[in-house]
Amino acid sequence: MQILRHFNVLRAIKDLRVYLAQEGQHKLAFLLLSVVVFGAMLIGFTIDSHEEPVYHRDIVYVEQWPANRTDAQIIAQQKIDGPAEAKRAADAAARDKETQAGFKRLDDKLKKLGI
C-alpha cells in the first residue's frame, strides 16, 4: 500500500475543483450529460439483472426389481422397454444432427465472409 500513502482526500477534491473551474461551460455540460447517461445505463442493467431463477422439478422414477427374477422376466421387460429406448435415442440423434447442421451453415457463412 505504498502507493496510497501520498493520497489525501482533501487535496484530491481541491485539485478536482481547480480543474473544473478552468474548463469551459460546454465541457462541464457534456461531463454532466455523460455521467447521467452512464448512471441511467448502470441502473437499467442493475434492475434488469434481478430476475428470479426458474425452478424446474426433475423427478426421476426408478423401478425396483426383485433380486430373484428370472432371465425370462428380464428379456420380457427388455422387449417392452426396447422400442421406447430406441425412439429416445433416435430423437436425440436427430436433435444432434439438426444442431450440427446449424453450426455447419454458420461455418459456411463465416467462410464466405473470410472469417
PDB file of N, CA and C in Angstrom:
ATOM      1  N   MET A   1       0.810  -1.194   0.000  1.00  0.00           N
ATOM      2  CA  MET A   1       0.000   0.000   0.000  1.00  0.00           C
ATOM      3  C   MET A   1       0.860   1.268   0.000  1.00  0.00           C
ATOM      4  N   GLN A   2       2.041   1.177  -0.545  1.00  0.00           N
ATOM      5  CA  GLN A   2       2.923   2.331  -0.613  1.00  0.00           C
ATOM      6  C   GLN A   2       2.353   3.412  -1.523  1.00  0.00           C
ATOM      7  N   ILE A   3       1.551   2.994  -2.486  1.00  0.00           N
ATOM      8  CA  ILE A   3       1.046   3.954  -3.460  1.00  0.00           C
ATOM      9  C   ILE A   3      -0.003   4.881  -2.849  1.00  0.00           C
ATOM     10  N   LEU A   4      -0.714   4.439  -1.830  1.00  0.00           N
ATOM     11  CA  LEU A   4      -1.776   5.244  -1.233  1.00  0.00           C
ATOM     12  C   LEU A   4      -1.283   6.171  -0.118  1.00  0.00           C
ATOM     13  N   ARG A   5      -0.031   6.104   0.231  1.00  0.00           N
ATOM     14  CA  ARG A   5       0.443   6.934   1.348  1.00  0.00           C
ATOM     15  C   ARG A   5       0.459   8.419   0.992  1.00  0.00           C
ATOM     16  N   HIS A   6       0.547   8.742  -0.297  1.00  0.00           N
ATOM     17  CA  HIS A   6       0.569  10.146  -0.709  1.00  0.00           C
ATOM     18  C   HIS A   6      -0.818  10.656  -1.071  1.00  0.00           C
ATOM     19  N   PHE A   7      -1.820   9.831  -0.940  1.00  0.00           N
ATOM     20  CA  PHE A   7      -3.175  10.221  -1.331  1.00  0.00           C
ATOM     21  C   PHE A   7      -3.849  10.933  -0.169  1.00  0.00           C
ATOM     22  N   ASN A   8      -4.403  12.104  -0.487  1.00  0.00           N
ATOM     23  CA  ASN A   8      -5.126  12.886   0.505  1.00  0.00           C
ATOM     24  C   ASN A   8      -6.462  13.263  -0.118  1.00  0.00           C
ATOM     25  N   VAL A   9      -7.549  12.955   0.567  1.00  0.00           N
ATOM     26  CA  VAL A   9      -8.879  13.198   0.015  1.00  0.00           C
ATOM     27  C   VAL A   9      -9.120  14.687  -0.180  1.00  0.00           C
ATOM     28  N   LEU A  10      -8.738  15.495   0.772  1.00  0.00           N
ATOM     29  CA  LEU A  10      -8.974  16.938   0.664  1.00  0.00           C
ATOM     30  C   LEU A  10      -8.181  17.535  -0.496  1.00  0.00           C
ATOM     31  N   ARG A  11      -6.939  17.082  -0.679  1.00  0.00           N
ATOM     32  CA  ARG A  11      -6.136  17.568  -1.796  1.00  0.00           C
ATOM     33  C   ARG A  11      -6.726  17.134  -3.139  1.00  0.00           C
ATOM     34  N   ALA A  12      -7.268  15.918  -3.192  1.00  0.00           N
ATOM     35  CA  ALA A  12      -7.885  15.434  -4.427  1.00  0.00           C
ATOM     36  C   ALA A  12      -9.127  16.254  -4.765  1.00  0.00           C
ATOM     37  N   ILE A  13      -9.937  16.566  -3.768  1.00  0.00           N
ATOM     38  CA  ILE A  13     -11.131  17.392  -4.006  1.00  0.00           C
ATOM     39  C   ILE A  13     -10.728  18.787  -4.466  1.00  0.00           C
ATOM     40  N   LYS A  14      -9.697  19.349  -3.864  1.00  0.00           N
ATOM     41  CA  LYS A  14      -9.226  20.679  -4.264  1.00  0.00           C
ATOM     42  C   LYS A  14      -8.716  20.664  -5.710  1.00  0.00           C
ATOM     43  N   ASP A  15      -7.952  19.619  -6.085  1.00  0.00           N
ATOM     44  CA  ASP A  15      -7.461  19.506  -7.457  1.00  0.00           C
ATOM     45  C   ASP A  15      -8.626  19.379  -8.448  1.00  0.00           C
ATOM     46  N   LEU A  16      -9.648  18.630  -8.084  1.00  0.00           N
ATOM     47  CA  LEU A  16     -10.811  18.486  -8.956  1.00  0.00           C
ATOM     48  C   LEU A  16     -11.531  19.819  -9.128  1.00  0.00           C
ATOM     49  N   ARG A  17     -11.688  20.571  -8.047  1.00  0.00           N
ATOM     50  CA  ARG A  17     -12.360  21.877  -8.137  1.00  0.00           C
ATOM     51  C   ARG A  17     -11.563  22.850  -9.012  1.00  0.00           C
ATOM     52  N   VAL A  18     -10.249  22.832  -8.875  1.00  0.00           N
ATOM     53  CA  VAL A  18      -9.396  23.718  -9.688  1.00  0.00           C
ATOM     54  C   VAL A  18      -9.514  23.326 -11.160  1.00  0.00           C
ATOM     55  N   TYR A  19      -9.485  22.025 -11.453  1.00  0.00           N
ATOM     56  CA  TYR A  19      -9.587  21.557 -12.840  1.00  0.00           C
ATOM     57  C   TYR A  19     -10.934  21.936 -13.444  1.00  0.00           C
ATOM     58  N   LEU A  20     -12.008  21.728 -12.689  1.00  0.00           N
ATOM     59  CA  LEU A  20     -13.336  22.043 -13.215  1.00  0.00           C
ATOM     60  C   LEU A  20     -13.536  23.548 -13.378  1.00  0.00           C
ATOM     61  N   ALA A  21     -12.896  24.348 -12.554  1.00  0.00           N
ATOM     62  CA  ALA A  21     -13.017  25.801 -12.671  1.00  0.00           C
ATOM     63  C   ALA A  21     -12.309  26.304 -13.921  1.00  0.00           C
ATOM     64  N   GLN A  22     -11.257  25.617 -14.376  1.00  0.00           N
ATOM     65  CA  GLN A  22     -10.510  26.051 -15.547  1.00  0.00           C
ATOM     66  C   GLN A  22     -11.190  25.643 -16.851  1.00  0.00           C
ATOM     67  N   GLU A  23     -12.022  24.637 -16.830  1.00  0.00           N
ATOM     68  CA  GLU A  23     -12.654  24.146 -18.058  1.00  0.00           C
ATOM     69  C   GLU A  23     -13.836  25.027 -18.449  1.00  0.00           C
ATOM     70  N   GLY A  24     -14.208  24.936 -19.727  1.00  0.00           N
ATOM     71  CA  GLY A  24     -15.320  25.722 -20.227  1.00  0.00           C
ATOM     72  C   GLY A  24     -16.656  25.135 -19.809  1.00  0.00           C
ATOM     73  N   GLN A  25     -17.704  25.960 -19.953  1.00  0.00           N
ATOM     74  CA  GLN A  25     -19.037  25.534 -19.542  1.00  0.00           C
ATOM     75  C   GLN A  25     -19.547  24.367 -20.383  1.00  0.00           C
ATOM     76  N   HIS A  26     -19.200  24.336 -21.668  1.00  0.00           N
ATOM     77  CA  HIS A  26     -19.685  23.260 -22.529  1.00  0.00           C
ATOM     78  C   HIS A  26     -19.074  21.913 -22.127  1.00  0.00           C
ATOM     79  N   LYS A  27     -17.818  21.929 -21.656  1.00  0.00           N
ATOM     80  CA  LYS A  27     -17.195  20.680 -21.211  1.00  0.00           C
ATOM     81  C   LYS A  27     -17.853  20.161 -19.943  1.00  0.00           C
ATOM     82  N   LEU A  28     -18.225  21.069 -19.063  1.00  0.00           N
ATOM     83  CA  LEU A  28     -18.916  20.652 -17.842  1.00  0.00           C
ATOM     84  C   LEU A  28     -20.298  20.091 -18.151  1.00  0.00           C
ATOM     85  N   ALA A  29     -20.975  20.694 -19.141  1.00  0.00           N
ATOM     86  CA  ALA A  29     -22.295  20.198 -19.521  1.00  0.00           C
ATOM     87  C   ALA A  29     -22.189  18.786 -20.106  1.00  0.00           C
ATOM     88  N   PHE A  30     -21.202  18.573 -20.951  1.00  0.00           N
ATOM     89  CA  PHE A  30     -21.022  17.233 -21.521  1.00  0.00           C
ATOM     90  C   PHE A  30     -20.581  16.222 -20.458  1.00  0.00           C
ATOM     91  N   LEU A  31     -19.781  16.656 -19.491  1.00  0.00           N
ATOM     92  CA  LEU A  31     -19.394  15.781 -18.392  1.00  0.00           C
ATOM     93  C   LEU A  31     -20.616  15.352 -17.597  1.00  0.00           C
ATOM     94  N   LEU A  32     -21.477  16.306 -17.279  1.00  0.00           N
ATOM     95  CA  LEU A  32     -22.699  16.002 -16.543  1.00  0.00           C
ATOM     96  C   LEU A  32     -23.612  15.081 -17.355  1.00  0.00           C
ATOM     97  N   LEU A  33     -23.731  15.366 -18.641  1.00  0.00           N
ATOM     98  CA  LEU A  33     -24.568  14.529 -19.503  1.00  0.00           C
ATOM     99  C   LEU A  33     -24.024  13.102 -19.578  1.00  0.00           C
ATOM    100  N   SER A  34     -22.724  12.957 -19.684  1.00  0.00           N
ATOM    101  CA  SER A  34     -22.147  11.611 -19.759  1.00  0.00           C
ATOM    102  C   SER A  34     -22.331  10.860 -18.443  1.00  0.00           C
ATOM    103  N   VAL A  35     -22.230  11.550 -17.323  1.00  0.00           N
ATOM    104  CA  VAL A  35     -22.449  10.902 -16.028  1.00  0.00           C
ATOM    105  C   VAL A  35     -23.896  10.459 -15.894  1.00  0.00           C
ATOM    106  N   VAL A  36     -24.834  11.284 -16.344  1.00  0.00           N
ATOM    107  CA  VAL A  36     -26.259  10.930 -16.267  1.00  0.00           C
ATOM    108  C   VAL A  36     -26.565   9.734 -17.165  1.00  0.00           C
ATOM    109  N   VAL A  37     -26.048   9.725 -18.383  1.00  0.00           N
ATOM    110  CA  VAL A  37     -26.296   8.607 -19.299  1.00  0.00           C
ATOM    111  C   VAL A  37     -25.692   7.320 -18.747  1.00  0.00           C
ATOM    112  N   PHE A  38     -24.461   7.407 -18.238  1.00  0.00           N
ATOM    113  CA  PHE A  38     -23.827   6.218 -17.656  1.00  0.00           C
ATOM    114  C   PHE A  38     -24.605   5.722 -16.442  1.00  0.00           C
ATOM    115  N   GLY A  39     -25.036   6.625 -15.604  1.00  0.00           N
ATOM    116  CA  GLY A  39     -25.816   6.241 -14.426  1.00  0.00           C
ATOM    117  C   GLY A  39     -27.129   5.582 -14.804  1.00  0.00           C
ATOM    118  N   ALA A  40     -27.805   6.120 -15.834  1.00  0.00           N
ATOM    119  CA  ALA A  40     -29.062   5.524 -16.279  1.00  0.00           C
ATOM    120  C   ALA A  40     -28.833   4.118 -16.822  1.00  0.00           C
ATOM    121  N   MET A  41     -27.760   3.944 -17.584  1.00  0.00           N
ATOM    122  CA  MET A  41     -27.458   2.603 -18.108  1.00  0.00           C
ATOM    123  C   MET A  41     -27.118   1.648 -16.976  1.00  0.00           C
ATOM    124  N   LEU A  42     -26.343   2.113 -16.022  1.00  0.00           N
ATOM    125  CA  LEU A  42     -25.967   1.269 -14.893  1.00  0.00           C
ATOM    126  C   LEU A  42     -27.191   0.859 -14.083  1.00  0.00           C
ATOM    127  N   ILE A  43     -28.069   1.793 -13.814  1.00  0.00           N
ATOM    128  CA  ILE A  43     -29.295   1.486 -13.074  1.00  0.00           C
ATOM    129  C   ILE A  43     -30.180   0.541 -13.885  1.00  0.00           C
ATOM    130  N   GLY A  44     -30.283   0.770 -15.190  1.00  0.00           N
ATOM    131  CA  GLY A  44     -31.094  -0.105 -16.041  1.00  0.00           C
ATOM    132  C   GLY A  44     -30.588  -1.532 -16.057  1.00  0.00           C
ATOM    133  N   PHE A  45     -29.270  -1.710 -16.203  1.00  0.00           N
ATOM    134  CA  PHE A  45     -28.705  -3.054 -16.191  1.00  0.00           C
ATOM    135  C   PHE A  45     -28.868  -3.709 -14.819  1.00  0.00           C
ATOM    136  N   THR A  46     -28.754  -2.922 -13.764  1.00  0.00           N
ATOM    137  CA  THR A  46     -28.912  -3.470 -12.423  1.00  0.00           C
ATOM    138  C   THR A  46     -30.341  -3.945 -12.192  1.00  0.00           C
ATOM    139  N   ILE A  47     -31.303  -3.150 -12.607  1.00  0.00           N
ATOM    140  CA  ILE A  47     -32.711  -3.541 -12.451  1.00  0.00           C
ATOM    141  C   ILE A  47     -33.017  -4.751 -13.319  1.00  0.00           C
ATOM    142  N   ASP A  48     -32.492  -4.773 -14.529  1.00  0.00           N
ATOM    143  CA  ASP A  48     -32.781  -5.869 -15.455  1.00  0.00           C
ATOM    144  C   ASP A  48     -32.128  -7.181 -15.019  1.00  0.00           C
ATOM    145  N   SER A  49     -31.037  -7.099 -14.265  1.00  0.00           N
ATOM    146  CA  SER A  49     -30.326  -8.324 -13.900  1.00  0.00           C
ATOM    147  C   SER A  49     -30.998  -9.079 -12.765  1.00  0.00           C
ATOM    148  N   HIS A  50     -31.929  -8.462 -12.070  1.00  0.00           N
ATOM    149  CA  HIS A  50     -32.609  -9.131 -10.962  1.00  0.00           C
ATOM    150  C   HIS A  50     -33.816  -9.893 -11.480  1.00  0.00           C
ATOM    151  N   GLU A  51     -33.556 -11.111 -11.914  1.00  0.00           N
ATOM    152  CA  GLU A  51     -34.618 -11.956 -12.438  1.00  0.00           C
ATOM    153  C   GLU A  51     -34.643 -13.230 -11.617  1.00  0.00           C
ATOM    154  N   GLU A  52     -35.822 -13.614 -11.210  1.00  0.00           N
ATOM    155  CA  GLU A  52     -35.950 -14.813 -10.398  1.00  0.00           C
ATOM    156  C   GLU A  52     -35.615 -16.036 -11.238  1.00  0.00           C
ATOM    157  N   PRO A  53     -34.778 -16.928 -10.718  1.00  0.00           N
ATOM    158  CA  PRO A  53     -34.458 -18.130 -11.482  1.00  0.00           C
ATOM    159  C   PRO A  53     -35.671 -19.055 -11.568  1.00  0.00           C
ATOM    160  N   VAL A  54     -35.808 -19.662 -12.719  1.00  0.00           N
ATOM    161  CA  VAL A  54     -36.916 -20.577 -12.934  1.00  0.00           C
ATOM    162  C   VAL A  54     -36.505 -21.940 -12.402  1.00  0.00           C
ATOM    163  N   TYR A  55     -37.347 -22.491 -11.556  1.00  0.00           N
ATOM    164  CA  TYR A  55     -37.043 -23.786 -10.952  1.00  0.00           C
ATOM    165  C   TYR A  55     -37.887 -24.846 -11.634  1.00  0.00           C
ATOM    166  N   HIS A  56     -37.228 -25.830 -12.191  1.00  0.00           N
ATOM    167  CA  HIS A  56     -37.912 -26.948 -12.818  1.00  0.00           C
ATOM    168  C   HIS A  56     -37.632 -28.201 -12.008  1.00  0.00           C
ATOM    169  N   ARG A  57     -38.689 -28.848 -11.596  1.00  0.00           N
ATOM    170  CA  ARG A  57     -38.517 -30.091 -10.857  1.00  0.00           C
ATOM    171  C   ARG A  57     -38.151 -31.194 -11.840  1.00  0.00           C
ATOM    172  N   ASP A  58     -37.142 -31.941 -11.505  1.00  0.00           N
ATOM    173  CA  ASP A  58     -36.707 -33.046 -12.344  1.00  0.00           C
ATOM    174  C   ASP A  58     -36.894 -34.324 -11.529  1.00  0.00           C
ATOM    175  N   ILE A  59     -38.051 -34.930 -11.706  1.00  0.00           N
ATOM    176  CA  ILE A  59     -38.386 -36.117 -10.937  1.00  0.00           C
ATOM    177  C   ILE A  59     -38.025 -37.343 -11.760  1.00  0.00           C
ATOM    178  N   VAL A  60     -37.263 -38.224 -11.151  1.00  0.00           N
ATOM    179  CA  VAL A  60     -36.857 -39.454 -11.815  1.00  0.00           C
ATOM    180  C   VAL A  60     -37.474 -40.611 -11.031  1.00  0.00           C
ATOM    181  N   TYR A  61     -38.307 -41.362 -11.718  1.00  0.00           N
ATOM    182  CA  TYR A  61     -38.919 -42.520 -11.087  1.00  0.00           C
ATOM    183  C   TYR A  61     -38.075 -43.746 -11.398  1.00  0.00           C
ATOM    184  N   VAL A  62     -37.809 -44.544 -10.412  1.00  0.00           N
ATOM    185  CA  VAL A  62     -36.972 -45.724 -10.560  1.00  0.00           C
ATOM    186  C   VAL A  62     -37.804 -46.951 -10.215  1.00  0.00           C
ATOM    187  N   GLU A  63     -37.724 -47.929 -11.095  1.00  0.00           N
ATOM    188  CA  GLU A  63     -38.420 -49.181 -10.802  1.00  0.00           C
ATOM    189  C   GLU A  63     -37.503 -50.073  -9.987  1.00  0.00           C
ATOM    190  N   GLN A  64     -38.060 -50.682  -8.983  1.00  0.00           N
ATOM    191  CA  GLN A  64     -37.268 -51.578  -8.152  1.00  0.00           C
ATOM    192  C   GLN A  64     -37.632 -53.011  -8.520  1.00  0.00           C
ATOM    193  N   TRP A  65     -36.633 -53.772  -8.884  1.00  0.00           N
ATOM    194  CA  TRP A  65     -36.842 -55.151  -9.310  1.00  0.00           C
ATOM    195  C   TRP A  65     -36.406 -56.108  -8.216  1.00  0.00           C
ATOM    196  N   PRO A  66     -37.098 -57.202  -8.113  1.00  0.00           N
ATOM    197  CA  PRO A  66     -36.665 -58.198  -7.122  1.00  0.00           C
ATOM    198  C   PRO A  66     -35.352 -58.851  -7.565  1.00  0.00           C
ATOM    199  N   ALA A  67     -34.530 -59.179  -6.624  1.00  0.00           N
ATOM    200  CA  ALA A  67     -33.224 -59.752  -6.935  1.00  0.00           C
ATOM    201  C   ALA A  67     -33.328 -61.169  -7.486  1.00  0.00           C
ATOM    202  N   ASN A  68     -34.462 -61.841  -7.270  1.00  0.00           N
ATOM    203  CA  ASN A  68     -34.578 -63.232  -7.688  1.00  0.00           C
ATOM    204  C   ASN A  68     -35.432 -63.400  -8.952  1.00  0.00           C
ATOM    205  N   ARG A  69     -35.510 -62.398  -9.810  1.00  0.00           N
ATOM    206  CA  ARG A  69     -36.321 -62.540 -11.027  1.00  0.00           C
ATOM    207  C   ARG A  69     -35.570 -63.397 -12.046  1.00  0.00           C
ATOM    208  N   THR A  70     -36.309 -64.004 -12.909  1.00  0.00           N
ATOM    209  CA  THR A  70     -35.725 -64.954 -13.857  1.00  0.00           C
ATOM    210  C   THR A  70     -35.257 -64.246 -15.110  1.00  0.00           C
ATOM    211  N   ASP A  71     -34.460 -64.949 -15.915  1.00  0.00           N
ATOM    212  CA  ASP A  71     -33.986 -64.404 -17.180  1.00  0.00           C
ATOM    213  C   ASP A  71     -35.145 -64.134 -18.128  1.00  0.00           C
ATOM    214  N   ALA A  72     -36.157 -64.947 -18.080  1.00  0.00           N
ATOM    215  CA  ALA A  72     -37.322 -64.750 -18.941  1.00  0.00           C
ATOM    216  C   ALA A  72     -38.037 -63.436 -18.611  1.00  0.00           C
ATOM    217  N   GLN A  73     -38.117 -63.127 -17.333  1.00  0.00           N
ATOM    218  CA  GLN A  73     -38.737 -61.853 -16.936  1.00  0.00           C
ATOM    219  C   GLN A  73     -37.876 -60.672 -17.410  1.00  0.00           C
ATOM    220  N   ILE A  74     -36.578 -60.815 -17.317  1.00  0.00           N
ATOM    221  CA  ILE A  74     -35.680 -59.746 -17.753  1.00  0.00           C
ATOM    222  C   ILE A  74     -35.814 -59.518 -19.256  1.00  0.00           C
ATOM    223  N   ILE A  75     -35.819 -60.600 -20.042  1.00  0.00           N
ATOM    224  CA  ILE A  75     -35.946 -60.489 -21.505  1.00  0.00           C
ATOM    225  C   ILE A  75     -37.288 -59.896 -21.887  1.00  0.00           C
ATOM    226  N   ALA A  76     -38.353 -60.294 -21.202  1.00  0.00           N
ATOM    227  CA  ALA A  76     -39.682 -59.749 -21.483  1.00  0.00           C
ATOM    228  C   ALA A  76     -39.719 -58.241 -21.225  1.00  0.00           C
ATOM    229  N   GLN A  77     -39.115 -57.787 -20.123  1.00  0.00           N
ATOM    230  CA  GLN A  77     -39.090 -56.355 -19.822  1.00  0.00           C
ATOM    231  C   GLN A  77     -38.232 -55.595 -20.834  1.00  0.00           C
ATOM    232  N   GLN A  78     -37.127 -56.195 -21.296  1.00  0.00           N
ATOM    233  CA  GLN A  78     -36.298 -55.553 -22.306  1.00  0.00           C
ATOM    234  C   GLN A  78     -37.048 -55.407 -23.621  1.00  0.00           C
ATOM    235  N   LYS A  79     -37.899 -56.359 -23.966  1.00  0.00           N
ATOM    236  CA  LYS A  79     -38.712 -56.252 -25.181  1.00  0.00           C
ATOM    237  C   LYS A  79     -39.727 -55.124 -25.063  1.00  0.00           C
ATOM    238  N   ILE A  80     -40.214 -54.892 -23.860  1.00  0.00           N
ATOM    239  CA  ILE A  80     -41.168 -53.795 -23.644  1.00  0.00           C
ATOM    240  C   ILE A  80     -40.442 -52.447 -23.698  1.00  0.00           C
ATOM    241  N   ASP A  81     -39.282 -52.374 -23.046  1.00  0.00           N
ATOM    242  CA  ASP A  81     -38.550 -51.107 -22.961  1.00  0.00           C
ATOM    243  C   ASP A  81     -37.725 -50.793 -24.196  1.00  0.00           C
ATOM    244  N   GLY A  82     -37.434 -51.777 -25.022  1.00  0.00           N
ATOM    245  CA  GLY A  82     -36.566 -51.589 -26.176  1.00  0.00           C
ATOM    246  C   GLY A  82     -37.046 -50.544 -27.167  1.00  0.00           C
ATOM    247  N   PRO A  83     -38.300 -50.608 -27.654  1.00  0.00           N
ATOM    248  CA  PRO A  83     -38.755 -49.604 -28.630  1.00  0.00           C
ATOM    249  C   PRO A  83     -38.761 -48.169 -28.072  1.00  0.00           C
ATOM    250  N   ALA A  84     -39.128 -48.011 -26.810  1.00  0.00           N
ATOM    251  CA  ALA A  84     -39.134 -46.666 -26.220  1.00  0.00           C
ATOM    252  C   ALA A  84     -37.720 -46.113 -26.133  1.00  0.00           C
ATOM    253  N   GLU A  85     -36.770 -46.945 -25.739  1.00  0.00           N
ATOM    254  CA  GLU A  85     -35.376 -46.508 -25.662  1.00  0.00           C
ATOM    255  C   GLU A  85     -34.821 -46.193 -27.046  1.00  0.00           C
ATOM    256  N   ALA A  86     -35.184 -46.995 -28.048  1.00  0.00           N
ATOM    257  CA  ALA A  86     -34.734 -46.738 -29.419  1.00  0.00           C
ATOM    258  C   ALA A  86     -35.308 -45.427 -29.935  1.00  0.00           C
ATOM    259  N   LYS A  87     -36.567 -45.121 -29.591  1.00  0.00           N
ATOM    260  CA  LYS A  87     -37.184 -43.860 -30.022  1.00  0.00           C
ATOM    261  C   LYS A  87     -36.485 -42.670 -29.359  1.00  0.00           C
ATOM    262  N   ARG A  88     -36.171 -42.787 -28.065  1.00  0.00           N
ATOM    263  CA  ARG A  88     -35.441 -41.709 -27.384  1.00  0.00           C
ATOM    264  C   ARG A  88     -34.069 -41.496 -28.005  1.00  0.00           C
ATOM    265  N   ALA A  89     -33.378 -42.575 -28.330  1.00  0.00           N
ATOM    266  CA  ALA A  89     -32.044 -42.456 -28.940  1.00  0.00           C
ATOM    267  C   ALA A  89     -32.130 -41.836 -30.331  1.00  0.00           C
ATOM    268  N   ALA A  90     -33.171 -42.210 -31.099  1.00  0.00           N
ATOM    269  CA  ALA A  90     -33.341 -41.638 -32.434  1.00  0.00           C
ATOM    270  C   ALA A  90     -33.669 -40.151 -32.347  1.00  0.00           C
ATOM    271  N   ASP A  91     -34.496 -39.752 -31.376  1.00  0.00           N
ATOM    272  CA  ASP A  91     -34.816 -38.332 -31.198  1.00  0.00           C
ATOM    273  C   ASP A  91     -33.576 -37.531 -30.814  1.00  0.00           C
ATOM    274  N   ALA A  92     -32.767 -38.092 -29.935  1.00  0.00           N
ATOM    275  CA  ALA A  92     -31.542 -37.399 -29.529  1.00  0.00           C
ATOM    276  C   ALA A  92     -30.576 -37.276 -30.708  1.00  0.00           C
ATOM    277  N   ALA A  93     -30.472 -38.333 -31.512  1.00  0.00           N
ATOM    278  CA  ALA A  93     -29.594 -38.273 -32.683  1.00  0.00           C
ATOM    279  C   ALA A  93     -30.098 -37.236 -33.685  1.00  0.00           C
ATOM    280  N   ALA A  94     -31.414 -37.145 -33.856  1.00  0.00           N
ATOM    281  CA  ALA A  94     -31.982 -36.155 -34.781  1.00  0.00           C
ATOM    282  C   ALA A  94     -31.701 -34.740 -34.285  1.00  0.00           C
ATOM    283  N   ARG A  95     -31.847 -34.511 -32.966  1.00  0.00           N
ATOM    284  CA  ARG A  95     -31.547 -33.188 -32.416  1.00  0.00           C
ATOM    285  C   ARG A  95     -30.073 -32.849 -32.602  1.00  0.00           C
ATOM    286  N   ASP A  96     -29.203 -33.819 -32.367  1.00  0.00           N
ATOM    287  CA  ASP A  96     -27.766 -33.584 -32.548  1.00  0.00           C
ATOM    288  C   ASP A  96     -27.438 -33.276 -34.003  1.00  0.00           C
ATOM    289  N   LYS A  97     -28.069 -33.988 -34.922  1.00  0.00           N
ATOM    290  CA  LYS A  97     -27.819 -33.767 -36.347  1.00  0.00           C
ATOM    291  C   LYS A  97     -28.316 -32.380 -36.771  1.00  0.00           C
ATOM    292  N   GLU A  98     -29.474 -31.964 -36.230  1.00  0.00           N
ATOM    293  CA  GLU A  98     -30.013 -30.644 -36.553  1.00  0.00           C
ATOM    294  C   GLU A  98     -29.091 -29.541 -36.022  1.00  0.00           C
ATOM    295  N   THR A  99     -28.589 -29.711 -34.812  1.00  0.00           N
ATOM    296  CA  THR A  99     -27.661 -28.734 -34.248  1.00  0.00           C
ATOM    297  C   THR A  99     -26.375 -28.680 -35.064  1.00  0.00           C
ATOM    298  N   GLN A 100     -25.890 -29.838 -35.455  1.00  0.00           N
ATOM    299  CA  GLN A 100     -24.666 -29.900 -36.254  1.00  0.00           C
ATOM    300  C   GLN A 100     -24.880 -29.225 -37.609  1.00  0.00           C
ATOM    301  N   ALA A 101     -26.048 -29.406 -38.211  1.00  0.00           N
ATOM    302  CA  ALA A 101     -26.335 -28.760 -39.491  1.00  0.00           C
ATOM    303  C   ALA A 101     -26.386 -27.239 -39.334  1.00  0.00           C
ATOM    304  N   GLY A 102     -26.951 -26.769 -38.222  1.00  0.00           N
ATOM    305  CA  GLY A 102     -26.976 -25.327 -37.961  1.00  0.00           C
ATOM    306  C   GLY A 102     -25.587 -24.744 -37.832  1.00  0.00           C
ATOM    307  N   PHE A 103     -24.717 -25.442 -37.101  1.00  0.00           N
ATOM    308  CA  PHE A 103     -23.338 -24.978 -36.970  1.00  0.00           C
ATOM    309  C   PHE A 103     -22.604 -25.033 -38.307  1.00  0.00           C
ATOM    310  N   LYS A 104     -22.916 -26.014 -39.134  1.00  0.00           N
ATOM    311  CA  LYS A 104     -22.299 -26.128 -40.456  1.00  0.00           C
ATOM    312  C   LYS A 104     -22.699 -24.948 -41.332  1.00  0.00           C
ATOM    313  N   ARG A 105     -24.015 -24.587 -41.286  1.00  0.00           N
ATOM    314  CA  ARG A 105     -24.467 -23.423 -42.056  1.00  0.00           C
ATOM    315  C   ARG A 105     -23.767 -22.156 -41.587  1.00  0.00           C
ATOM    316  N   LEU A 106     -23.632 -21.990 -40.270  1.00  0.00           N
ATOM    317  CA  LEU A 106     -22.948 -20.816 -39.731  1.00  0.00           C
ATOM    318  C   LEU A 106     -21.484 -20.798 -40.160  1.00  0.00           C
ATOM    319  N   ASP A 107     -20.833 -21.947 -40.120  1.00  0.00           N
ATOM    320  CA  ASP A 107     -19.435 -22.029 -40.539  1.00  0.00           C
ATOM    321  C   ASP A 107     -19.282 -21.688 -42.018  1.00  0.00           C
ATOM    322  N   ASP A 108     -20.216 -22.156 -42.855  1.00  0.00           N
ATOM    323  CA  ASP A 108     -20.154 -21.833 -44.280  1.00  0.00           C
ATOM    324  C   ASP A 108     -20.322 -20.339 -44.514  1.00  0.00           C
ATOM    325  N   LYS A 109     -21.241 -19.695 -43.771  1.00  0.00           N
ATOM    326  CA  LYS A 109     -21.429 -18.258 -43.912  1.00  0.00           C
ATOM    327  C   LYS A 109     -20.177 -17.494 -43.499  1.00  0.00           C
ATOM    328  N   LEU A 110     -19.546 -17.935 -42.394  1.00  0.00           N
ATOM    329  CA  LEU A 110     -18.339 -17.265 -41.944  1.00  0.00           C
ATOM    330  C   LEU A 110     -17.180 -17.461 -42.913  1.00  0.00           C
ATOM    331  N   LYS A 111     -17.106 -18.651 -43.512  1.00  0.00           N
ATOM    332  CA  LYS A 111     -16.059 -18.889 -44.512  1.00  0.00           C
ATOM    333  C   LYS A 111     -16.292 -18.007 -45.744  1.00  0.00           C
ATOM    334  N   LYS A 112     -17.551 -17.815 -46.099  1.00  0.00           N
ATOM    335  CA  LYS A 112     -17.863 -16.963 -47.241  1.00  0.00           C
ATOM    336  C   LYS A 112     -17.432 -15.521 -46.985  1.00  0.00           C
ATOM    337  N   LEU A 113     -17.522 -15.099 -45.700  1.00  0.00           N
ATOM    338  CA  LEU A 113     -17.090 -13.750 -45.341  1.00  0.00           C
ATOM    339  C   LEU A 113     -15.588 -13.658 -45.141  1.00  0.00           C
ATOM    340  N   GLY A 114     -14.902 -14.811 -45.121  1.00  0.00           N
ATOM    341  CA  GLY A 114     -13.460 -14.804 -44.963  1.00  0.00           C
ATOM    342  C   GLY A 114     -13.015 -14.871 -43.535  1.00  0.00           C
ATOM    343  N   ILE A 115     -13.889 -15.291 -42.671  1.00  0.00           N
ATOM    344  CA  ILE A 115     -13.553 -15.377 -41.240  1.00  0.00           C
ATOM    345  C   ILE A 115     -13.275 -16.813 -40.890  1.00  0.00           C
TER     346      ILE A 115
END
